[in-house]
Amino acid sequence: MKKEYDIDSLIGEMDFVSGQFQDVGNGIQLTNREIEVLDQYKIPYRSCHNLKEILFQIEELIEDMDIVDEELDWIASCISERDYYQNTNK
């Protein structure tokens, strides 16, 4: 028995915005979701010159926190991975 799906409904439920990249200055690209989380924690990513500086700011904040916010940790992981692939000689 073949199951029918309402494609319009499925597409309407998908989030295409949070994963979109924005240029935040100095050639740095962050997703809308990353920007939202960084803004929430008042991390000054716009004054950073590269992804490593943003990661340093995140790590400093995480060290000062009593608990680790899973979302902030996930954002740091995503930025770290992007930095690795963008800046590692292949």
N, C-alpha and C. Protein backbone atom coordinates (compact mmCIF):
# COMPACT_ATOMS: atom_id res chain seq x y z
N MET A 1 0.85 -1.17 0.00
CA MET A 1 0.00 0.00 0.00
C MET A 1 0.90 1.24 0.00
N LYS A 2 0.70 2.09 -0.97
CA LYS A 2 1.50 3.30 -1.13
C LYS A 2 0.90 4.44 -0.30
N LYS A 3 1.76 5.11 0.47
CA LYS A 3 1.30 6.20 1.33
C LYS A 3 1.41 7.52 0.56
N GLU A 4 0.39 8.33 0.65
CA GLU A 4 0.36 9.64 -0.02
C GLU A 4 0.83 10.72 0.96
N TYR A 5 1.60 11.65 0.45
CA TYR A 5 2.10 12.77 1.25
C TYR A 5 1.64 14.08 0.63
N ASP A 6 1.32 15.01 1.48
CA ASP A 6 0.96 16.35 1.02
C ASP A 6 2.26 17.16 0.94
N ILE A 7 2.82 17.23 -0.26
CA ILE A 7 4.11 17.88 -0.47
C ILE A 7 4.08 19.35 -0.02
N ASP A 8 3.03 20.06 -0.35
CA ASP A 8 2.93 21.47 0.04
C ASP A 8 2.98 21.63 1.56
N SER A 9 2.31 20.73 2.26
CA SER A 9 2.31 20.79 3.72
C SER A 9 3.70 20.48 4.27
N LEU A 10 4.36 19.48 3.71
CA LEU A 10 5.70 19.12 4.18
C LEU A 10 6.70 20.25 3.93
N ILE A 11 6.64 20.86 2.76
CA ILE A 11 7.54 21.96 2.44
C ILE A 11 7.24 23.16 3.33
N GLY A 12 5.96 23.40 3.60
CA GLY A 12 5.58 24.52 4.46
C GLY A 12 6.11 24.39 5.87
N GLU A 13 6.35 23.15 6.32
CA GLU A 13 6.86 22.92 7.68
C GLU A 13 8.38 22.99 7.76
N MET A 14 9.05 23.01 6.62
CA MET A 14 10.52 23.01 6.61
C MET A 14 11.04 24.42 6.88
N ASP A 15 12.16 24.48 7.60
CA ASP A 15 12.78 25.75 7.94
C ASP A 15 13.96 25.99 6.98
N PHE A 16 13.74 26.88 6.02
CA PHE A 16 14.79 27.19 5.06
C PHE A 16 15.58 28.43 5.47
N VAL A 17 15.10 29.16 6.45
CA VAL A 17 15.70 30.45 6.80
C VAL A 17 16.86 30.32 7.79
N SER A 18 16.72 29.49 8.81
CA SER A 18 17.75 29.44 9.86
C SER A 18 19.09 28.94 9.35
N GLY A 19 19.10 28.17 8.27
CA GLY A 19 20.35 27.65 7.73
C GLY A 19 20.98 28.52 6.66
N GLN A 20 20.32 29.64 6.32
CA GLN A 20 20.87 30.53 5.31
C GLN A 20 22.05 31.31 5.87
N PHE A 21 23.06 31.49 5.03
CA PHE A 21 24.25 32.22 5.45
C PHE A 21 24.08 33.71 5.21
N GLN A 22 24.65 34.48 6.13
CA GLN A 22 24.68 35.93 6.04
C GLN A 22 26.13 36.38 6.16
N ASP A 23 26.51 37.39 5.40
CA ASP A 23 27.84 37.98 5.53
C ASP A 23 27.76 38.98 6.69
N VAL A 24 28.53 38.72 7.75
CA VAL A 24 28.47 39.58 8.93
C VAL A 24 29.67 40.54 8.99
N GLY A 25 30.41 40.62 7.91
CA GLY A 25 31.56 41.52 7.86
C GLY A 25 32.87 40.75 7.95
N ASN A 26 33.92 41.38 7.49
CA ASN A 26 35.26 40.79 7.50
C ASN A 26 35.32 39.45 6.77
N GLY A 27 34.42 39.23 5.82
CA GLY A 27 34.40 37.99 5.06
C GLY A 27 33.89 36.79 5.83
N ILE A 28 33.25 37.02 6.97
CA ILE A 28 32.74 35.94 7.81
C ILE A 28 31.29 35.65 7.42
N GLN A 29 31.01 34.37 7.20
CA GLN A 29 29.66 33.92 6.89
C GLN A 29 29.13 33.10 8.07
N LEU A 30 27.97 33.49 8.57
CA LEU A 30 27.31 32.75 9.65
C LEU A 30 25.87 32.48 9.23
N THR A 31 25.31 31.39 9.75
CA THR A 31 23.90 31.12 9.46
C THR A 31 23.03 32.03 10.33
N ASN A 32 21.79 32.19 9.92
CA ASN A 32 20.85 32.98 10.71
C ASN A 32 20.72 32.42 12.12
N ARG A 33 20.71 31.10 12.25
CA ARG A 33 20.59 30.48 13.58
C ARG A 33 21.82 30.76 14.43
N GLU A 34 23.00 30.68 13.83
CA GLU A 34 24.23 30.99 14.57
C GLU A 34 24.20 32.44 15.05
N ILE A 35 23.78 33.35 14.18
CA ILE A 35 23.69 34.76 14.54
C ILE A 35 22.71 34.94 15.70
N GLU A 36 21.58 34.26 15.63
CA GLU A 36 20.57 34.37 16.69
C GLU A 36 21.13 33.94 18.04
N VAL A 37 21.85 32.82 18.07
CA VAL A 37 22.42 32.32 19.33
C VAL A 37 23.54 33.23 19.81
N LEU A 38 24.40 33.68 18.90
CA LEU A 38 25.49 34.58 19.29
C LEU A 38 24.93 35.90 19.84
N ASP A 39 23.88 36.41 19.22
CA ASP A 39 23.23 37.62 19.72
C ASP A 39 22.62 37.38 21.11
N GLN A 40 22.02 36.22 21.29
CA GLN A 40 21.40 35.88 22.57
C GLN A 40 22.43 35.94 23.71
N TYR A 41 23.65 35.51 23.42
CA TYR A 41 24.71 35.50 24.43
C TYR A 41 25.60 36.74 24.35
N LYS A 42 25.21 37.69 23.50
CA LYS A 42 25.94 38.95 23.37
C LYS A 42 27.41 38.74 23.02
N ILE A 43 27.65 37.79 22.14
CA ILE A 43 29.01 37.53 21.66
C ILE A 43 29.26 38.49 20.49
N PRO A 44 30.31 39.31 20.58
CA PRO A 44 30.56 40.36 19.59
C PRO A 44 31.19 39.84 18.29
N TYR A 45 30.45 39.02 17.56
CA TYR A 45 30.99 38.39 16.35
C TYR A 45 31.29 39.40 15.24
N ARG A 46 30.60 40.52 15.22
CA ARG A 46 30.82 41.52 14.16
C ARG A 46 32.18 42.20 14.29
N SER A 47 32.77 42.17 15.48
CA SER A 47 34.09 42.78 15.65
C SER A 47 35.21 41.76 15.45
N CYS A 48 34.86 40.52 15.19
CA CYS A 48 35.87 39.48 14.97
C CYS A 48 36.33 39.51 13.51
N HIS A 49 37.57 39.08 13.30
CA HIS A 49 38.16 39.10 11.97
C HIS A 49 38.15 37.74 11.28
N ASN A 50 37.83 36.69 12.03
CA ASN A 50 37.76 35.35 11.44
C ASN A 50 36.96 34.44 12.37
N LEU A 51 36.71 33.24 11.90
CA LEU A 51 35.91 32.29 12.67
C LEU A 51 36.61 31.86 13.95
N LYS A 52 37.94 31.80 13.93
CA LYS A 52 38.69 31.41 15.13
C LYS A 52 38.46 32.41 16.27
N GLU A 53 38.37 33.68 15.94
CA GLU A 53 38.11 34.70 16.97
C GLU A 53 36.71 34.50 17.57
N ILE A 54 35.74 34.16 16.73
CA ILE A 54 34.39 33.90 17.23
C ILE A 54 34.42 32.69 18.15
N LEU A 55 35.12 31.65 17.74
CA LEU A 55 35.24 30.44 18.57
C LEU A 55 35.90 30.77 19.91
N PHE A 56 36.91 31.63 19.89
CA PHE A 56 37.56 32.04 21.14
C PHE A 56 36.56 32.73 22.06
N GLN A 57 35.74 33.62 21.50
CA GLN A 57 34.73 34.33 22.29
C GLN A 57 33.74 33.34 22.90
N ILE A 58 33.32 32.35 22.11
CA ILE A 58 32.38 31.34 22.60
C ILE A 58 33.02 30.53 23.72
N GLU A 59 34.27 30.10 23.51
CA GLU A 59 34.96 29.29 24.53
C GLU A 59 35.14 30.06 25.83
N GLU A 60 35.44 31.36 25.72
CA GLU A 60 35.57 32.20 26.91
C GLU A 60 34.25 32.23 27.69
N LEU A 61 33.15 32.38 26.97
CA LEU A 61 31.84 32.42 27.60
C LEU A 61 31.50 31.08 28.25
N ILE A 62 31.77 29.99 27.53
CA ILE A 62 31.47 28.66 28.06
C ILE A 62 32.26 28.41 29.34
N GLU A 63 33.52 28.85 29.39
CA GLU A 63 34.34 28.67 30.60
C GLU A 63 33.75 29.42 31.79
N ASP A 64 33.11 30.57 31.53
CA ASP A 64 32.54 31.39 32.59
C ASP A 64 31.16 30.92 33.04
N MET A 65 30.53 30.03 32.26
CA MET A 65 29.17 29.57 32.58
C MET A 65 29.23 28.43 33.59
N ASP A 66 28.22 28.37 34.43
CA ASP A 66 28.11 27.26 35.38
C ASP A 66 27.70 25.97 34.68
N ILE A 67 26.87 26.11 33.65
CA ILE A 67 26.44 24.95 32.88
C ILE A 67 26.74 25.22 31.41
N VAL A 68 26.85 24.18 30.63
CA VAL A 68 27.09 24.34 29.20
C VAL A 68 25.76 24.29 28.47
N ASP A 69 25.49 25.33 27.73
CA ASP A 69 24.29 25.39 26.91
C ASP A 69 24.54 24.52 25.68
N GLU A 70 23.70 23.51 25.48
CA GLU A 70 23.90 22.58 24.37
C GLU A 70 23.85 23.27 23.02
N GLU A 71 22.97 24.25 22.88
CA GLU A 71 22.86 24.95 21.60
C GLU A 71 24.12 25.77 21.31
N LEU A 72 24.63 26.45 22.32
CA LEU A 72 25.86 27.22 22.15
C LEU A 72 27.02 26.28 21.82
N ASP A 73 27.08 25.15 22.46
CA ASP A 73 28.11 24.16 22.19
C ASP A 73 27.98 23.63 20.76
N TRP A 74 26.74 23.39 20.31
CA TRP A 74 26.50 22.92 18.95
C TRP A 74 26.92 23.97 17.92
N ILE A 75 26.61 25.24 18.19
CA ILE A 75 27.00 26.34 17.30
C ILE A 75 28.52 26.40 17.19
N ALA A 76 29.21 26.27 18.33
CA ALA A 76 30.68 26.28 18.33
C ALA A 76 31.22 25.14 17.49
N SER A 77 30.60 23.99 17.59
CA SER A 77 31.03 22.82 16.82
C SER A 77 30.85 23.07 15.32
N CYS A 78 29.73 23.65 14.93
CA CYS A 78 29.47 23.95 13.51
C CYS A 78 30.47 24.96 12.96
N ILE A 79 30.72 26.01 13.73
CA ILE A 79 31.66 27.04 13.29
C ILE A 79 33.07 26.47 13.21
N SER A 80 33.43 25.64 14.17
CA SER A 80 34.75 25.01 14.18
C SER A 80 34.94 24.13 12.95
N GLU A 81 33.93 23.35 12.63
CA GLU A 81 34.02 22.47 11.47
C GLU A 81 34.14 23.29 10.18
N ARG A 82 33.35 24.36 10.06
CA ARG A 82 33.42 25.22 8.88
C ARG A 82 34.79 25.86 8.77
N ASP A 83 35.33 26.34 9.89
CA ASP A 83 36.65 26.95 9.89
C ASP A 83 37.70 25.94 9.41
N TYR A 84 37.59 24.72 9.89
CA TYR A 84 38.54 23.68 9.49
C TYR A 84 38.50 23.47 7.98
N TYR A 85 37.32 23.30 7.41
CA TYR A 85 37.20 23.01 5.99
C TYR A 85 37.54 24.24 5.11
N GLN A 86 37.31 25.44 5.61
CA GLN A 86 37.62 26.63 4.83
C GLN A 86 39.10 26.98 4.88
N ASN A 87 39.77 26.64 5.97
CA ASN A 87 41.13 27.13 6.17
C ASN A 87 42.20 26.06 6.23
N THR A 88 41.86 24.83 5.90
CA THR A 88 42.85 23.76 5.88
C THR A 88 43.29 23.53 4.45
N ASN A 89 44.60 23.52 4.25
CA ASN A 89 45.13 23.27 2.90
C ASN A 89 44.81 21.84 2.49
N LYS A 90 44.30 21.71 1.32
CA LYS A 90 43.92 20.39 0.84
C LYS A 90 44.92 19.88 -0.16
